[in-house]
Amino acid sequence: MSRALRQPPVSSAASRDPSRGGSSGKARRAPAAPDGSQGNEPSKPAPGLYVVATPIGNSGDITVRALDVLRGADLVASEDTRVTGKLFMRYGIATRLVAYHDHNAERVRPGLLARLAAGAVVALVSDAGTPLISDPGFKLVRAAVAAGLPVTALPGASAVLAALVLSGLPTDRFLFAGFLDSRAERRRRTLAELAAVPASLVFFESARRLADALADMHAQLGERDAAVGRELTKRFEEMRRGGLSALAAHYREAGSPKGEIVVVVGPPSEAATDAPTLDDLLRDALAHQSLRDAADAVAKATGRPRREVYARALALTRPPDAEP
């Protein structure tokens, strides 16, 4: 059973010790740290794994609690120690950094778990934002939970939520779909699977693929309101809003933008939600066409890969008791 974590306290004011304040009896003020605090040591956090959100752009977007844990941890597992090192320099943090990323996670994870089992305080950070959102931290958290080790999260900056609230699109239900595949056919297939989801959709996207991705979104999801967020929280933050077709045309003409990109697409309209499914279209076509012709016609009408449509048509025509 996991041990309960006590929340790391906010740094207290400088200790008032009259014996160190000279004849006046006043406490001496500690030198100010780069973040404006007085630089006194925070209390040691309780043992366990701390999932710590860090800024996505503006370095001021970090919580006091996060700074306390990062200073008080025995080590910090970082996606890129060079990126995290800059944040540490900004706030005068000297905690040991250990690289933990996609390429070394299998090798490094056992050592981190051993340190946690021995009672260490380990903080997990990504390059920017909340860890586990499109980074390898998920497996570390899952392993720590499975081992009964204490795990807690320190919430903070998130590009997903920042883009969602700035988009002007419905926020009551949303689905984060991460990065779409760089290969066009797989990207379109994923979008087709998401077309009926009754929620706003949030994607990360490469700047150089943005125009193509928006065009595929328009083809597979239909015309919907959308927004493209760029360089969120940074000096040149931009939120461009419009229909998918207009946004695709803009970035096709303007070229690839600079910076980190988040795309938010509004939910389908009620009419789109009631649109016939792939199975409905295939059953209608199969009623008066051969399997091959029906698959060809539906693939052309929907823009979905012919191989995928043909396989589904074959499944619909197979007897229920037939071997797969």
Foldseek 3Di string as FASTA:
>chain_A
DADDWDQFDQADADDQQLVPPPPVSGDDQAPAWLLRHRPDQGDATWFFEEFAAAAQFPRNFHDSSSVNLQQRFQEEEECDCVLVVVSCVNGVHDHHYDYDFDVCPVPCLVVVLVCSVVTGYYYYYYSHGTPPQPTDCPVSVVVCVVVNYDYDYDHTGDPQVLLVVVQPADDPDEEEPEAADPDLQRSLVVLLVCQLPQFKYKYWYDLQCVLVSLVSNCLRNNWFKKWKWFSPPHPPTDIDIDISVVVSVVCVVVDGDDGTIMMITHGHDPVSNPDDDLVRQLVVLVVPDPLLVSLVVSCVVRVHDSVVSSVVSVVVPDPPPDDD
